[in-house]
Amino acid sequence: GTVAEDRIPALEAVDGVESVDRERTIQLPPSDS
């Protein structure tokens, strides 16, 4: 999902939540690279 960055600690505090990680985008080189 999405959340305001400053609300991440509130997500981490919810019972049952084991981890909260930011989504990361990976740039792959083109196939002819």
PDB file of all heavy atoms in Angstrom:
ATOM      1  N   GLY A   1       0.811  -1.201   0.000  1.00  0.00           N
ATOM      2  CA  GLY A   1       0.000   0.000   0.000  1.00  0.00           C
ATOM      3  C   GLY A   1       0.843   1.247   0.000  1.00  0.00           C
ATOM      4  O   GLY A   1       2.057   1.200  -0.210  1.00  0.00           O
ATOM      5  N   THR A   2       0.187   2.363   0.216  1.00  0.00           N
ATOM      6  CA  THR A   2       0.867   3.648   0.309  1.00  0.00           C
ATOM      7  C   THR A   2       0.473   4.308   1.622  1.00  0.00           C
ATOM      8  O   THR A   2      -0.625   4.099   2.139  1.00  0.00           O
ATOM      9  CB  THR A   2       0.502   4.586  -0.865  1.00  0.00           C
ATOM     10  OG1 THR A   2      -0.912   4.774  -0.894  1.00  0.00           O
ATOM     11  CG2 THR A   2       0.965   4.010  -2.200  1.00  0.00           C
ATOM     12  N   VAL A   3       1.413   5.087   2.138  1.00  0.00           N
ATOM     13  CA  VAL A   3       1.194   5.777   3.403  1.00  0.00           C
ATOM     14  C   VAL A   3       2.106   6.991   3.435  1.00  0.00           C
ATOM     15  O   VAL A   3       3.163   7.000   2.801  1.00  0.00           O
ATOM     16  CB  VAL A   3       1.478   4.827   4.601  1.00  0.00           C
ATOM     17  CG1 VAL A   3       2.944   4.471   4.681  1.00  0.00           C
ATOM     18  CG2 VAL A   3       0.976   5.405   5.899  1.00  0.00           C
ATOM     19  N   ALA A   4       1.698   8.021   4.145  1.00  0.00           N
ATOM     20  CA  ALA A   4       2.584   9.163   4.356  1.00  0.00           C
ATOM     21  C   ALA A   4       3.805   8.670   5.122  1.00  0.00           C
ATOM     22  O   ALA A   4       3.683   7.887   6.065  1.00  0.00           O
ATOM     23  CB  ALA A   4       1.869  10.262   5.142  1.00  0.00           C
ATOM     24  N   GLU A   5       4.972   9.102   4.697  1.00  0.00           N
ATOM     25  CA  GLU A   5       6.213   8.603   5.287  1.00  0.00           C
ATOM     26  C   GLU A   5       6.259   8.744   6.809  1.00  0.00           C
ATOM     27  O   GLU A   5       6.722   7.857   7.513  1.00  0.00           O
ATOM     28  CB  GLU A   5       7.407   9.309   4.660  1.00  0.00           C
ATOM     29  CG  GLU A   5       8.727   8.708   5.056  1.00  0.00           C
ATOM     30  CD  GLU A   5       9.872   9.221   4.220  1.00  0.00           C
ATOM     31  OE1 GLU A   5       9.682  10.161   3.433  1.00  0.00           O
ATOM     32  OE2 GLU A   5      10.960   8.674   4.372  1.00  0.00           O
ATOM     33  N   ASP A   6       5.720   9.842   7.310  1.00  0.00           N
ATOM     34  CA  ASP A   6       5.763  10.044   8.761  1.00  0.00           C
ATOM     35  C   ASP A   6       4.785   9.147   9.525  1.00  0.00           C
ATOM     36  O   ASP A   6       4.783   9.122  10.753  1.00  0.00           O
ATOM     37  CB  ASP A   6       5.561  11.511   9.123  1.00  0.00           C
ATOM     38  CG  ASP A   6       4.209  12.061   8.704  1.00  0.00           C
ATOM     39  OD1 ASP A   6       3.428  11.356   8.025  1.00  0.00           O
ATOM     40  OD2 ASP A   6       3.915  13.216   9.040  1.00  0.00           O
ATOM     41  N   ARG A   7       3.962   8.375   8.830  1.00  0.00           N
ATOM     42  CA  ARG A   7       3.028   7.440   9.483  1.00  0.00           C
ATOM     43  C   ARG A   7       3.583   6.020   9.582  1.00  0.00           C
ATOM     44  O   ARG A   7       2.953   5.144  10.178  1.00  0.00           O
ATOM     45  CB  ARG A   7       1.690   7.407   8.728  1.00  0.00           C
ATOM     46  CG  ARG A   7       0.946   8.731   8.671  1.00  0.00           C
ATOM     47  CD  ARG A   7       0.496   9.222  10.016  1.00  0.00           C
ATOM     48  NE  ARG A   7      -0.415   8.263  10.630  1.00  0.00           N
ATOM     49  CZ  ARG A   7      -0.667   8.192  11.930  1.00  0.00           C
ATOM     50  NH1 ARG A   7      -0.095   9.025  12.760  1.00  0.00           N
ATOM     51  NH2 ARG A   7      -1.491   7.290  12.416  1.00  0.00           N
ATOM     52  N   ILE A   8       4.776   5.777   9.014  1.00  0.00           N
ATOM     53  CA  ILE A   8       5.355   4.431   9.061  1.00  0.00           C
ATOM     54  C   ILE A   8       5.503   3.925  10.494  1.00  0.00           C
ATOM     55  O   ILE A   8       5.159   2.763  10.772  1.00  0.00           O
ATOM     56  CB  ILE A   8       6.671   4.362   8.262  1.00  0.00           C
ATOM     57  CG1 ILE A   8       6.346   4.502   6.759  1.00  0.00           C
ATOM     58  CG2 ILE A   8       7.428   3.066   8.545  1.00  0.00           C
ATOM     59  CD1 ILE A   8       7.549   4.558   5.851  1.00  0.00           C
ATOM     60  N   PRO A   9       5.965   4.725  11.459  1.00  0.00           N
ATOM     61  CA  PRO A   9       6.031   4.217  12.838  1.00  0.00           C
ATOM     62  C   PRO A   9       4.673   3.760  13.380  1.00  0.00           C
ATOM     63  O   PRO A   9       4.605   2.793  14.150  1.00  0.00           O
ATOM     64  CB  PRO A   9       6.578   5.408  13.629  1.00  0.00           C
ATOM     65  CG  PRO A   9       7.366   6.193  12.624  1.00  0.00           C
ATOM     66  CD  PRO A   9       6.584   6.054  11.343  1.00  0.00           C
ATOM     67  N   ALA A  10       3.599   4.414  12.974  1.00  0.00           N
ATOM     68  CA  ALA A  10       2.260   4.000  13.416  1.00  0.00           C
ATOM     69  C   ALA A  10       1.907   2.631  12.836  1.00  0.00           C
ATOM     70  O   ALA A  10       1.257   1.820  13.502  1.00  0.00           O
ATOM     71  CB  ALA A  10       1.216   5.042  13.011  1.00  0.00           C
ATOM     72  N   LEU A  11       2.344   2.355  11.603  1.00  0.00           N
ATOM     73  CA  LEU A  11       2.094   1.045  11.009  1.00  0.00           C
ATOM     74  C   LEU A  11       2.884  -0.028  11.745  1.00  0.00           C
ATOM     75  O   LEU A  11       2.371  -1.115  12.022  1.00  0.00           O
ATOM     76  CB  LEU A  11       2.493   1.030   9.526  1.00  0.00           C
ATOM     77  CG  LEU A  11       1.815   2.033   8.599  1.00  0.00           C
ATOM     78  CD1 LEU A  11       2.288   1.807   7.164  1.00  0.00           C
ATOM     79  CD2 LEU A  11       0.308   1.964   8.683  1.00  0.00           C
ATOM     80  N   GLU A  12       4.133   0.276  12.068  1.00  0.00           N
ATOM     81  CA  GLU A  12       4.993  -0.683  12.765  1.00  0.00           C
ATOM     82  C   GLU A  12       4.451  -1.034  14.150  1.00  0.00           C
ATOM     83  O   GLU A  12       4.715  -2.126  14.657  1.00  0.00           O
ATOM     84  CB  GLU A  12       6.413  -0.123  12.887  1.00  0.00           C
ATOM     85  CG  GLU A  12       7.099   0.016  11.540  1.00  0.00           C
ATOM     86  CD  GLU A  12       8.410   0.772  11.603  1.00  0.00           C
ATOM     87  OE1 GLU A  12       8.563   1.659  12.476  1.00  0.00           O
ATOM     88  OE2 GLU A  12       9.271   0.498  10.758  1.00  0.00           O
ATOM     89  N   ALA A  13       3.675  -0.144  14.745  1.00  0.00           N
ATOM     90  CA  ALA A  13       3.146  -0.356  16.092  1.00  0.00           C
ATOM     91  C   ALA A  13       1.879  -1.210  16.126  1.00  0.00           C
ATOM     92  O   ALA A  13       1.432  -1.613  17.201  1.00  0.00           O
ATOM     93  CB  ALA A  13       2.867   1.001  16.748  1.00  0.00           C
ATOM     94  N   VAL A  14       1.301  -1.509  14.972  1.00  0.00           N
ATOM     95  CA  VAL A  14       0.051  -2.285  14.933  1.00  0.00           C
ATOM     96  C   VAL A  14       0.333  -3.737  15.302  1.00  0.00           C
ATOM     97  O   VAL A  14       1.275  -4.355  14.790  1.00  0.00           O
ATOM     98  CB  VAL A  14      -0.591  -2.197  13.525  1.00  0.00           C
ATOM     99  CG1 VAL A  14      -1.746  -3.173  13.376  1.00  0.00           C
ATOM    100  CG2 VAL A  14      -1.064  -0.776  13.255  1.00  0.00           C
ATOM    101  N   ASP A  15      -0.493  -4.296  16.217  1.00  0.00           N
ATOM    102  CA  ASP A  15      -0.362  -5.702  16.613  1.00  0.00           C
ATOM    103  C   ASP A  15      -0.511  -6.597  15.390  1.00  0.00           C
ATOM    104  O   ASP A  15      -1.434  -6.421  14.601  1.00  0.00           O
ATOM    105  CB  ASP A  15      -1.424  -6.084  17.644  1.00  0.00           C
ATOM    106  CG  ASP A  15      -1.114  -5.547  19.021  1.00  0.00           C
ATOM    107  OD1 ASP A  15       0.072  -5.272  19.306  1.00  0.00           O
ATOM    108  OD2 ASP A  15      -2.059  -5.407  19.821  1.00  0.00           O
ATOM    109  N   GLY A  16       0.399  -7.538  15.265  1.00  0.00           N
ATOM    110  CA  GLY A  16       0.361  -8.482  14.151  1.00  0.00           C
ATOM    111  C   GLY A  16       1.285  -8.101  13.010  1.00  0.00           C
ATOM    112  O   GLY A  16       1.558  -8.920  12.136  1.00  0.00           O
ATOM    113  N   VAL A  17       1.774  -6.869  12.989  1.00  0.00           N
ATOM    114  CA  VAL A  17       2.688  -6.440  11.931  1.00  0.00           C
ATOM    115  C   VAL A  17       4.090  -6.917  12.293  1.00  0.00           C
ATOM    116  O   VAL A  17       4.595  -6.622  13.373  1.00  0.00           O
ATOM    117  CB  VAL A  17       2.661  -4.910  11.732  1.00  0.00           C
ATOM    118  CG1 VAL A  17       3.763  -4.462  10.781  1.00  0.00           C
ATOM    119  CG2 VAL A  17       1.304  -4.483  11.203  1.00  0.00           C
ATOM    120  N   GLU A  18       4.691  -7.670  11.381  1.00  0.00           N
ATOM    121  CA  GLU A  18       6.027  -8.208  11.621  1.00  0.00           C
ATOM    122  C   GLU A  18       7.114  -7.327  11.014  1.00  0.00           C
ATOM    123  O   GLU A  18       8.206  -7.241  11.547  1.00  0.00           O
ATOM    124  CB  GLU A  18       6.103  -9.633  11.090  1.00  0.00           C
ATOM    125  CG  GLU A  18       5.146 -10.561  11.846  1.00  0.00           C
ATOM    126  CD  GLU A  18       4.986 -11.919  11.214  1.00  0.00           C
ATOM    127  OE1 GLU A  18       5.518 -12.158  10.109  1.00  0.00           O
ATOM    128  OE2 GLU A  18       4.295 -12.759  11.826  1.00  0.00           O
ATOM    129  N   SER A  19       6.820  -6.683   9.877  1.00  0.00           N
ATOM    130  CA  SER A  19       7.795  -5.765   9.280  1.00  0.00           C
ATOM    131  C   SER A  19       7.101  -4.822   8.313  1.00  0.00           C
ATOM    132  O   SER A  19       6.052  -5.135   7.760  1.00  0.00           O
ATOM    133  CB  SER A  19       8.911  -6.524   8.555  1.00  0.00           C
ATOM    134  OG  SER A  19       8.406  -7.167   7.413  1.00  0.00           O
ATOM    135  N   VAL A  20       7.713  -3.646   8.149  1.00  0.00           N
ATOM    136  CA  VAL A  20       7.251  -2.646   7.186  1.00  0.00           C
ATOM    137  C   VAL A  20       8.478  -2.228   6.390  1.00  0.00           C
ATOM    138  O   VAL A  20       9.454  -1.751   6.953  1.00  0.00           O
ATOM    139  CB  VAL A  20       6.643  -1.399   7.879  1.00  0.00           C
ATOM    140  CG1 VAL A  20       6.213  -0.369   6.842  1.00  0.00           C
ATOM    141  CG2 VAL A  20       5.476  -1.788   8.773  1.00  0.00           C
ATOM    142  N   ASP A  21       8.442  -2.453   5.096  1.00  0.00           N
ATOM    143  CA  ASP A  21       9.561  -2.092   4.223  1.00  0.00           C
ATOM    144  C   ASP A  21       9.069  -1.190   3.106  1.00  0.00           C
ATOM    145  O   ASP A  21       7.961  -1.368   2.601  1.00  0.00           O
ATOM    146  CB  ASP A  21      10.188  -3.348   3.602  1.00  0.00           C
ATOM    147  CG  ASP A  21      10.802  -4.258   4.640  1.00  0.00           C
ATOM    148  OD1 ASP A  21      11.717  -3.798   5.341  1.00  0.00           O
ATOM    149  OD2 ASP A  21      10.356  -5.418   4.747  1.00  0.00           O
ATOM    150  N   ARG A  22       9.916  -0.249   2.722  1.00  0.00           N
ATOM    151  CA  ARG A  22       9.582   0.594   1.581  1.00  0.00           C
ATOM    152  C   ARG A  22       9.705  -0.212   0.302  1.00  0.00           C
ATOM    153  O   ARG A  22      10.598  -1.027   0.165  1.00  0.00           O
ATOM    154  CB  ARG A  22      10.549   1.771   1.486  1.00  0.00           C
ATOM    155  CG  ARG A  22      10.334   2.794   2.513  1.00  0.00           C
ATOM    156  CD  ARG A  22      11.362   3.862   2.291  1.00  0.00           C
ATOM    157  NE  ARG A  22      11.154   4.915   3.239  1.00  0.00           N
ATOM    158  CZ  ARG A  22      11.381   6.170   2.967  1.00  0.00           C
ATOM    159  NH1 ARG A  22      11.830   6.524   1.794  1.00  0.00           N
ATOM    160  NH2 ARG A  22      11.167   7.085   3.870  1.00  0.00           N
ATOM    161  N   GLU A  23       8.793   0.052  -0.646  1.00  0.00           N
ATOM    162  CA  GLU A  23       8.915  -0.564  -1.966  1.00  0.00           C
ATOM    163  C   GLU A  23      10.139   0.024  -2.648  1.00  0.00           C
ATOM    164  O   GLU A  23      10.441   1.205  -2.490  1.00  0.00           O
ATOM    165  CB  GLU A  23       7.683  -0.277  -2.817  1.00  0.00           C
ATOM    166  CG  GLU A  23       6.494  -1.113  -2.458  1.00  0.00           C
ATOM    167  CD  GLU A  23       5.342  -0.899  -3.414  1.00  0.00           C
ATOM    168  OE1 GLU A  23       5.361   0.064  -4.206  1.00  0.00           O
ATOM    169  OE2 GLU A  23       4.408  -1.698  -3.364  1.00  0.00           O
ATOM    170  N   ARG A  24      10.819  -0.806  -3.389  1.00  0.00           N
ATOM    171  CA  ARG A  24      11.981  -0.335  -4.136  1.00  0.00           C
ATOM    172  C   ARG A  24      11.802  -0.670  -5.606  1.00  0.00           C
ATOM    173  O   ARG A  24      11.295  -1.728  -5.948  1.00  0.00           O
ATOM    174  CB  ARG A  24      13.243  -1.000  -3.609  1.00  0.00           C
ATOM    175  CG  ARG A  24      13.585  -0.522  -2.218  1.00  0.00           C
ATOM    176  CD  ARG A  24      14.787  -1.233  -1.667  1.00  0.00           C
ATOM    177  NE  ARG A  24      15.238  -0.658  -0.422  1.00  0.00           N
ATOM    178  CZ  ARG A  24      14.719  -0.868   0.746  1.00  0.00           C
ATOM    179  NH1 ARG A  24      13.661  -1.626   0.849  1.00  0.00           N
ATOM    180  NH2 ARG A  24      15.201  -0.325   1.833  1.00  0.00           N
ATOM    181  N   THR A  25      12.246   0.230  -6.453  1.00  0.00           N
ATOM    182  CA  THR A  25      12.206  -0.030  -7.891  1.00  0.00           C
ATOM    183  C   THR A  25      13.614  -0.347  -8.359  1.00  0.00           C
ATOM    184  O   THR A  25      14.562   0.285  -7.928  1.00  0.00           O
ATOM    185  CB  THR A  25      11.699   1.178  -8.680  1.00  0.00           C
ATOM    186  OG1 THR A  25      11.512   2.276  -7.839  1.00  0.00           O
ATOM    187  CG2 THR A  25      10.433   0.914  -9.373  1.00  0.00           C
ATOM    188  N   ILE A  26      13.699  -1.316  -9.200  1.00  0.00           N
ATOM    189  CA  ILE A  26      14.996  -1.715  -9.740  1.00  0.00           C
ATOM    190  C   ILE A  26      14.987  -1.431 -11.234  1.00  0.00           C
ATOM    191  O   ILE A  26      14.075  -1.833 -11.947  1.00  0.00           O
ATOM    192  CB  ILE A  26      15.256  -3.210  -9.485  1.00  0.00           C
ATOM    193  CG1 ILE A  26      15.267  -3.491  -7.988  1.00  0.00           C
ATOM    194  CG2 ILE A  26      16.540  -3.661 -10.152  1.00  0.00           C
ATOM    195  CD1 ILE A  26      15.329  -4.952  -7.644  1.00  0.00           C
ATOM    196  N   GLN A  27      16.009  -0.740 -11.693  1.00  0.00           N
ATOM    197  CA  GLN A  27      16.154  -0.453 -13.113  1.00  0.00           C
ATOM    198  C   GLN A  27      17.024  -1.541 -13.740  1.00  0.00           C
ATOM    199  O   GLN A  27      18.187  -1.702 -13.376  1.00  0.00           O
ATOM    200  CB  GLN A  27      16.828   0.910 -13.308  1.00  0.00           C
ATOM    201  CG  GLN A  27      15.965   2.067 -12.876  1.00  0.00           C
ATOM    202  CD  GLN A  27      14.969   2.437 -13.952  1.00  0.00           C
ATOM    203  OE1 GLN A  27      15.159   2.125 -15.114  1.00  0.00           O
ATOM    204  NE2 GLN A  27      13.912   3.098 -13.583  1.00  0.00           N
ATOM    205  N   LEU A  28      16.469  -2.312 -14.652  1.00  0.00           N
ATOM    206  CA  LEU A  28      17.235  -3.325 -15.355  1.00  0.00           C
ATOM    207  C   LEU A  28      17.760  -2.746 -16.653  1.00  0.00           C
ATOM    208  O   LEU A  28      17.068  -1.971 -17.321  1.00  0.00           O
ATOM    209  CB  LEU A  28      16.367  -4.547 -15.647  1.00  0.00           C
ATOM    210  CG  LEU A  28      15.836  -5.290 -14.427  1.00  0.00           C
ATOM    211  CD1 LEU A  28      14.911  -6.413 -14.866  1.00  0.00           C
ATOM    212  CD2 LEU A  28      16.980  -5.844 -13.609  1.00  0.00           C
ATOM    213  N   PRO A  29      18.991  -3.139 -17.057  1.00  0.00           N
ATOM    214  CA  PRO A  29      19.498  -2.638 -18.328  1.00  0.00           C
ATOM    215  C   PRO A  29      18.704  -3.246 -19.487  1.00  0.00           C
ATOM    216  O   PRO A  29      18.170  -4.346 -19.359  1.00  0.00           O
ATOM    217  CB  PRO A  29      20.949  -3.109 -18.349  1.00  0.00           C
ATOM    218  CG  PRO A  29      21.008  -4.248 -17.389  1.00  0.00           C
ATOM    219  CD  PRO A  29      19.927  -4.008 -16.388  1.00  0.00           C
ATOM    220  N   PRO A  30      18.608  -2.530 -20.601  1.00  0.00           N
ATOM    221  CA  PRO A  30      17.896  -3.097 -21.754  1.00  0.00           C
ATOM    222  C   PRO A  30      18.578  -4.392 -22.218  1.00  0.00           C
ATOM    223  O   PRO A  30      19.773  -4.588 -21.980  1.00  0.00           O
ATOM    224  CB  PRO A  30      17.983  -2.012 -22.830  1.00  0.00           C
ATOM    225  CG  PRO A  30      18.856  -0.939 -22.278  1.00  0.00           C
ATOM    226  CD  PRO A  30      19.152  -1.229 -20.851  1.00  0.00           C
ATOM    227  N   SER A  31      17.835  -5.246 -22.902  1.00  0.00           N
ATOM    228  CA  SER A  31      18.369  -6.556 -23.295  1.00  0.00           C
ATOM    229  C   SER A  31      19.572  -6.446 -24.225  1.00  0.00           C
ATOM    230  O   SER A  31      20.393  -7.362 -24.273  1.00  0.00           O
ATOM    231  CB  SER A  31      17.266  -7.395 -23.944  1.00  0.00           C
ATOM    232  OG  SER A  31      16.773  -6.716 -25.075  1.00  0.00           O
ATOM    233  N   ASP A  32      19.711  -5.357 -24.959  1.00  0.00           N
ATOM    234  CA  ASP A  32      20.848  -5.214 -25.859  1.00  0.00           C
ATOM    235  C   ASP A  32      22.022  -4.479 -25.198  1.00  0.00           C
ATOM    236  O   ASP A  32      23.004  -4.144 -25.838  1.00  0.00           O
ATOM    237  CB  ASP A  32      20.440  -4.498 -27.145  1.00  0.00           C
ATOM    238  CG  ASP A  32      19.921  -3.089 -26.897  1.00  0.00           C
ATOM    239  OD1 ASP A  32      19.668  -2.744 -25.722  1.00  0.00           O
ATOM    240  OD2 ASP A  32      19.748  -2.345 -27.876  1.00  0.00           O
ATOM    241  N   SER A  33      21.950  -4.253 -23.916  1.00  0.00           N
ATOM    242  CA  SER A  33      22.992  -3.563 -23.181  1.00  0.00           C
ATOM    243  C   SER A  33      24.203  -4.476 -22.990  1.00  0.00           C
ATOM    244  O   SER A  33      24.051  -5.676 -22.798  1.00  0.00           O
ATOM    245  CB  SER A  33      22.468  -3.115 -21.813  1.00  0.00           C
ATOM    246  OG  SER A  33      23.510  -2.652 -21.015  1.00  0.00           O
TER     247      SER A  33
END
